[in-house]
């Protein structure tokens, strides 16, 4: 049977063929259902292909087919219903955590609640073109003018290592700066 370009274009316009030229699925066979199942379980396309012994293109074709997309959408709606059914238990667990005698559990519960409700307003730091050398030069210039520099260093270390290190460096800063030129 010879290829008929007109028939091919008509099939694409009628939906018998997808825009990529492949025939649309008329039903989901067992392989397509397996591909979709693995996809819904969070598998990557490359892993699905390797596990089933098919090409990545086959996995992609199945997952992007309108029939498969409709099936996936229906499954997501079912999962969403299950998720909503868990709301009361989730709220109860959160309430129990907030009432816990363990302060760490309480703080974790507060953190989860705040994040879930968008209550964290993190400051967005703007990138700077200043290098570390530029910052040090400004510090030395300020030290030269005023004879003192106040420096605040943020540290996540409980032992205060960074603060001690900076204090030692500042104590060693000369009051005058000589130019290398």
C-alpha atoms as a PDB file:
ATOM      1  CA  UNK A   1       0.000   0.000   0.000  1.00  0.00           C
ATOM      2  CA  UNK A   2       1.497   3.304  -1.089  1.00  0.00           C
ATOM      3  CA  UNK A   3       1.654   6.350   1.156  1.00  0.00           C
ATOM      4  CA  UNK A   4      -1.151   8.795   0.368  1.00  0.00           C
ATOM      5  CA  UNK A   5      -0.211  12.328   1.575  1.00  0.00           C
ATOM      6  CA  UNK A   6      -3.784  13.588   1.287  1.00  0.00           C
ATOM      7  CA  UNK A   7      -5.160  10.719   3.366  1.00  0.00           C
ATOM      8  CA  UNK A   8      -2.351  11.260   5.881  1.00  0.00           C
ATOM      9  CA  UNK A   9      -3.272  14.965   6.275  1.00  0.00           C
ATOM     10  CA  UNK A  10      -6.980  14.117   6.550  1.00  0.00           C
ATOM     11  CA  UNK A  11      -6.191  11.608   9.287  1.00  0.00           C
ATOM     12  CA  UNK A  12      -4.227  14.286  11.167  1.00  0.00           C
ATOM     13  CA  UNK A  13      -7.087  16.795  10.798  1.00  0.00           C
ATOM     14  CA  UNK A  14      -9.689  14.246  11.909  1.00  0.00           C
ATOM     15  CA  UNK A  15      -7.672  13.218  14.961  1.00  0.00           C
ATOM     16  CA  UNK A  16      -6.951   9.689  13.737  1.00  0.00           C
ATOM     17  CA  UNK A  17      -3.304  10.748  13.741  1.00  0.00           C
ATOM     18  CA  UNK A  18      -1.617  13.017  16.249  1.00  0.00           C
ATOM     19  CA  UNK A  19       0.180  16.196  15.185  1.00  0.00           C
ATOM     20  CA  UNK A  20       3.446  14.228  15.347  1.00  0.00           C
ATOM     21  CA  UNK A  21       2.072  11.871  12.691  1.00  0.00           C
ATOM     22  CA  UNK A  22       1.634   8.773  14.831  1.00  0.00           C
ATOM     23  CA  UNK A  23      -1.752   7.086  14.907  1.00  0.00           C
ATOM     24  CA  UNK A  24      -3.814   8.001  17.979  1.00  0.00           C
ATOM     25  CA  UNK A  25      -4.491   5.170  20.409  1.00  0.00           C
ATOM     26  CA  UNK A  26      -7.951   3.714  19.988  1.00  0.00           C
ATOM     27  CA  UNK A  27      -7.722   1.827  23.281  1.00  0.00           C
ATOM     28  CA  UNK A  28      -5.193   1.375  26.033  1.00  0.00           C
ATOM     29  CA  UNK A  29      -3.560  -2.011  25.650  1.00  0.00           C
ATOM     30  CA  UNK A  30      -1.789  -3.739  28.537  1.00  0.00           C
ATOM     31  CA  UNK A  31       1.608  -2.220  27.647  1.00  0.00           C
ATOM     32  CA  UNK A  32       0.153   1.301  27.535  1.00  0.00           C
ATOM     33  CA  UNK A  33      -1.544   0.723  30.899  1.00  0.00           C
ATOM     34  CA  UNK A  34       1.764  -0.466  32.375  1.00  0.00           C
ATOM     35  CA  UNK A  35       3.552   2.611  31.054  1.00  0.00           C
ATOM     36  CA  UNK A  36       0.883   4.852  32.537  1.00  0.00           C
ATOM     37  CA  UNK A  37       0.959   2.973  35.857  1.00  0.00           C
ATOM     38  CA  UNK A  38       4.714   3.388  36.201  1.00  0.00           C
ATOM     39  CA  UNK A  39       4.353   7.054  35.233  1.00  0.00           C
ATOM     40  CA  UNK A  40       1.716   7.573  37.928  1.00  0.00           C
ATOM     41  CA  UNK A  41       4.074   5.950  40.432  1.00  0.00           C
ATOM     42  CA  UNK A  42       6.660   8.616  39.644  1.00  0.00           C
ATOM     43  CA  UNK A  43       9.002   6.673  37.387  1.00  0.00           C
ATOM     44  CA  UNK A  44      11.009   8.562  34.781  1.00  0.00           C
ATOM     45  CA  UNK A  45      10.411   7.744  31.122  1.00  0.00           C
ATOM     46  CA  UNK A  46      13.918   6.363  30.678  1.00  0.00           C
ATOM     47  CA  UNK A  47      13.389   3.965  33.604  1.00  0.00           C
ATOM     48  CA  UNK A  48       9.996   2.856  32.319  1.00  0.00           C
ATOM     49  CA  UNK A  49      11.514   2.163  28.900  1.00  0.00           C
ATOM     50  CA  UNK A  50      14.397   0.141  30.336  1.00  0.00           C
ATOM     51  CA  UNK A  51      12.120  -1.855  32.634  1.00  0.00           C
ATOM     52  CA  UNK A  52       9.632  -2.729  29.890  1.00  0.00           C
ATOM     53  CA  UNK A  53      12.197  -3.179  27.126  1.00  0.00           C
ATOM     54  CA  UNK A  54      10.740  -0.459  24.895  1.00  0.00           C
ATOM     55  CA  UNK A  55      12.209   2.762  23.554  1.00  0.00           C
ATOM     56  CA  UNK A  56      11.901   6.092  25.318  1.00  0.00           C
ATOM     57  CA  UNK A  57      10.052   7.318  22.243  1.00  0.00           C
ATOM     58  CA  UNK A  58       7.390   4.635  22.794  1.00  0.00           C
ATOM     59  CA  UNK A  59       6.954   5.713  26.413  1.00  0.00           C
ATOM     60  CA  UNK A  60       6.713   9.353  25.356  1.00  0.00           C
ATOM     61  CA  UNK A  61       4.256   8.557  22.567  1.00  0.00           C
ATOM     62  CA  UNK A  62       1.982   6.649  24.942  1.00  0.00           C
ATOM     63  CA  UNK A  63       2.107   9.266  27.708  1.00  0.00           C
ATOM     64  CA  UNK A  64       1.422  12.123  25.293  1.00  0.00           C
ATOM     65  CA  UNK A  65      -1.454  10.411  23.494  1.00  0.00           C
ATOM     66  CA  UNK A  66      -4.833  12.112  24.135  1.00  0.00           C
ATOM     67  CA  UNK A  67      -6.427   8.857  25.298  1.00  0.00           C
ATOM     68  CA  UNK A  68      -3.597   8.268  27.786  1.00  0.00           C
ATOM     69  CA  UNK A  69      -3.748  11.912  28.903  1.00  0.00           C
ATOM     70  CA  UNK A  70      -7.475  11.528  29.579  1.00  0.00           C
ATOM     71  CA  UNK A  71      -6.825   8.362  31.611  1.00  0.00           C
ATOM     72  CA  UNK A  72      -4.012  10.059  33.566  1.00  0.00           C
ATOM     73  CA  UNK A  73      -6.270  13.046  34.300  1.00  0.00           C
ATOM     74  CA  UNK A  74      -8.980  10.699  35.633  1.00  0.00           C
ATOM     75  CA  UNK A  75      -6.431   8.969  37.874  1.00  0.00           C
ATOM     76  CA  UNK A  76      -5.222  12.332  39.213  1.00  0.00           C
ATOM     77  CA  UNK A  77      -8.813  13.258  40.050  1.00  0.00           C
ATOM     78  CA  UNK A  78      -9.201  10.004  42.001  1.00  0.00           C
ATOM     79  CA  UNK A  79      -5.912  10.656  43.816  1.00  0.00           C
ATOM     80  CA  UNK A  80      -7.018  14.203  44.575  1.00  0.00           C
ATOM     81  CA  UNK A  81     -10.190  12.818  46.147  1.00  0.00           C
ATOM     82  CA  UNK A  82      -8.128  10.459  48.304  1.00  0.00           C
ATOM     83  CA  UNK A  83      -5.844  13.315  49.259  1.00  0.00           C
ATOM     84  CA  UNK A  84      -8.805  15.471  50.293  1.00  0.00           C
ATOM     85  CA  UNK A  85     -10.149  12.594  52.380  1.00  0.00           C
ATOM     86  CA  UNK A  86      -6.906  12.724  54.381  1.00  0.00           C
ATOM     87  CA  UNK A  87      -7.355  16.404  55.358  1.00  0.00           C
ATOM     88  CA  UNK A  88      -9.101  15.696  58.689  1.00  0.00           C
ATOM     89  CA  UNK A  89      -6.416  13.198  59.755  1.00  0.00           C
ATOM     90  CA  UNK A  90      -3.674  15.582  58.645  1.00  0.00           C
ATOM     91  CA  UNK A  91      -5.152  18.443  60.628  1.00  0.00           C
ATOM     92  CA  UNK A  92      -5.533  16.179  63.659  1.00  0.00           C
ATOM     93  CA  UNK A  93      -1.876  15.083  63.405  1.00  0.00           C
ATOM     94  CA  UNK A  94      -0.782  18.708  63.095  1.00  0.00           C
ATOM     95  CA  UNK A  95      -2.904  19.656  66.109  1.00  0.00           C
ATOM     96  CA  UNK A  96      -1.311  16.843  68.144  1.00  0.00           C
ATOM     97  CA  UNK A  97       2.168  17.973  67.110  1.00  0.00           C
ATOM     98  CA  UNK A  98       1.412  21.580  68.095  1.00  0.00           C
ATOM     99  CA  UNK A  99       0.252  20.350  71.520  1.00  0.00           C
ATOM    100  CA  UNK A 100       3.274  18.093  71.987  1.00  0.00           C
ATOM    101  CA  UNK A 101       5.446  18.504  75.063  1.00  0.00           C
ATOM    102  CA  UNK A 102       8.512  18.237  72.804  1.00  0.00           C
ATOM    103  CA  UNK A 103       9.479  21.745  71.674  1.00  0.00           C
ATOM    104  CA  UNK A 104      11.226  20.459  68.520  1.00  0.00           C
ATOM    105  CA  UNK A 105       8.049  18.687  67.397  1.00  0.00           C
ATOM    106  CA  UNK A 106       6.028  21.853  68.063  1.00  0.00           C
ATOM    107  CA  UNK A 107       8.461  23.977  66.037  1.00  0.00           C
ATOM    108  CA  UNK A 108       8.419  21.501  63.145  1.00  0.00           C
ATOM    109  CA  UNK A 109       4.605  21.560  63.163  1.00  0.00           C
ATOM    110  CA  UNK A 110       4.585  25.364  63.114  1.00  0.00           C
ATOM    111  CA  UNK A 111       7.098  25.325  60.255  1.00  0.00           C
ATOM    112  CA  UNK A 112       4.929  22.937  58.232  1.00  0.00           C
ATOM    113  CA  UNK A 113       1.769  24.958  58.867  1.00  0.00           C
ATOM    114  CA  UNK A 114       3.438  28.268  58.006  1.00  0.00           C
ATOM    115  CA  UNK A 115       4.921  26.922  54.764  1.00  0.00           C
ATOM    116  CA  UNK A 116       1.628  25.294  53.753  1.00  0.00           C
ATOM    117  CA  UNK A 117      -0.205  28.579  54.187  1.00  0.00           C
ATOM    118  CA  UNK A 118       2.390  30.770  52.492  1.00  0.00           C
ATOM    119  CA  UNK A 119       3.165  32.709  55.658  1.00  0.00           C
ATOM    120  CA  UNK A 120       6.917  32.735  55.110  1.00  0.00           C
ATOM    121  CA  UNK A 121       8.024  35.900  53.353  1.00  0.00           C
ATOM    122  CA  UNK A 122      11.661  35.276  52.605  1.00  0.00           C
ATOM    123  CA  UNK A 123      13.691  38.296  51.642  1.00  0.00           C
ATOM    124  CA  UNK A 124      14.903  37.987  48.115  1.00  0.00           C
ATOM    125  CA  UNK A 125      18.558  38.824  48.046  1.00  0.00           C
ATOM    126  CA  UNK A 126      19.605  40.748  45.011  1.00  0.00           C
ATOM    127  CA  UNK A 127      22.821  39.629  43.395  1.00  0.00           C
ATOM    128  CA  UNK A 128      25.711  42.016  43.743  1.00  0.00           C
ATOM    129  CA  UNK A 129      28.616  42.723  41.465  1.00  0.00           C
ATOM    130  CA  UNK A 130      30.890  43.367  44.443  1.00  0.00           C
ATOM    131  CA  UNK A 131      33.707  40.931  44.974  1.00  0.00           C
ATOM    132  CA  UNK A 132      35.016  39.928  48.386  1.00  0.00           C
ATOM    133  CA  UNK A 133      37.989  42.186  47.716  1.00  0.00           C
ATOM    134  CA  UNK A 134      35.630  45.148  47.146  1.00  0.00           C
ATOM    135  CA  UNK A 135      33.928  44.503  50.474  1.00  0.00           C
ATOM    136  CA  UNK A 136      37.264  44.224  52.317  1.00  0.00           C
ATOM    137  CA  UNK A 137      38.481  47.439  50.669  1.00  0.00           C
ATOM    138  CA  UNK A 138      35.364  49.249  51.916  1.00  0.00           C
ATOM    139  CA  UNK A 139      35.884  47.859  55.413  1.00  0.00           C
ATOM    140  CA  UNK A 140      39.513  48.970  55.472  1.00  0.00           C
ATOM    141  CA  UNK A 141      38.549  52.410  54.153  1.00  0.00           C
ATOM    142  CA  UNK A 142      35.930  52.767  56.893  1.00  0.00           C
ATOM    143  CA  UNK A 143      38.422  51.569  59.512  1.00  0.00           C
ATOM    144  CA  UNK A 144      40.951  54.107  58.301  1.00  0.00           C
ATOM    145  CA  UNK A 145      38.432  56.958  58.472  1.00  0.00           C
ATOM    146  CA  UNK A 146      36.779  56.108  61.782  1.00  0.00           C
ATOM    147  CA  UNK A 147      39.359  53.953  63.527  1.00  0.00           C
ATOM    148  CA  UNK A 148      36.695  51.270  64.075  1.00  0.00           C
ATOM    149  CA  UNK A 149      34.502  48.987  62.039  1.00  0.00           C
ATOM    150  CA  UNK A 150      31.428  47.145  63.243  1.00  0.00           C
ATOM    151  CA  UNK A 151      30.997  43.837  61.444  1.00  0.00           C
ATOM    152  CA  UNK A 152      28.086  41.432  61.732  1.00  0.00           C
ATOM    153  CA  UNK A 153      28.668  37.878  60.578  1.00  0.00           C
ATOM    154  CA  UNK A 154      25.875  35.354  60.262  1.00  0.00           C
ATOM    155  CA  UNK A 155      26.755  31.846  61.315  1.00  0.00           C
ATOM    156  CA  UNK A 156      24.813  28.624  61.607  1.00  0.00           C
ATOM    157  CA  UNK A 157      27.513  27.056  63.717  1.00  0.00           C
ATOM    158  CA  UNK A 158      26.563  26.775  67.392  1.00  0.00           C
ATOM    159  CA  UNK A 159      30.195  27.122  68.523  1.00  0.00           C
ATOM    160  CA  UNK A 160      30.486  30.629  67.018  1.00  0.00           C
ATOM    161  CA  UNK A 161      33.604  29.659  65.030  1.00  0.00           C
ATOM    162  CA  UNK A 162      33.081  32.251  62.296  1.00  0.00           C
ATOM    163  CA  UNK A 163      32.524  35.093  64.770  1.00  0.00           C
ATOM    164  CA  UNK A 164      35.765  34.309  66.645  1.00  0.00           C
ATOM    165  CA  UNK A 165      37.650  34.050  63.379  1.00  0.00           C
ATOM    166  CA  UNK A 166      36.406  37.459  62.191  1.00  0.00           C
ATOM    167  CA  UNK A 167      37.200  39.071  65.566  1.00  0.00           C
ATOM    168  CA  UNK A 168      40.781  37.783  65.311  1.00  0.00           C
ATOM    169  CA  UNK A 169      41.150  39.176  61.780  1.00  0.00           C
ATOM    170  CA  UNK A 170      39.745  42.567  62.762  1.00  0.00           C
ATOM    171  CA  UNK A 171      42.133  42.801  65.729  1.00  0.00           C
ATOM    172  CA  UNK A 172      45.002  42.333  63.278  1.00  0.00           C
ATOM    173  CA  UNK A 173      43.832  45.042  60.815  1.00  0.00           C
ATOM    174  CA  UNK A 174      46.299  47.940  60.800  1.00  0.00           C
ATOM    175  CA  UNK A 175      44.908  51.405  61.449  1.00  0.00           C
ATOM    176  CA  UNK A 176      46.582  52.717  58.305  1.00  0.00           C
ATOM    177  CA  UNK A 177      46.570  51.124  54.887  1.00  0.00           C
ATOM    178  CA  UNK A 178      49.563  51.398  52.634  1.00  0.00           C
ATOM    179  CA  UNK A 179      49.106  51.331  48.888  1.00  0.00           C
ATOM    180  CA  UNK A 180      51.088  48.648  47.022  1.00  0.00           C
ATOM    181  CA  UNK A 181      51.826  51.004  44.112  1.00  0.00           C
END
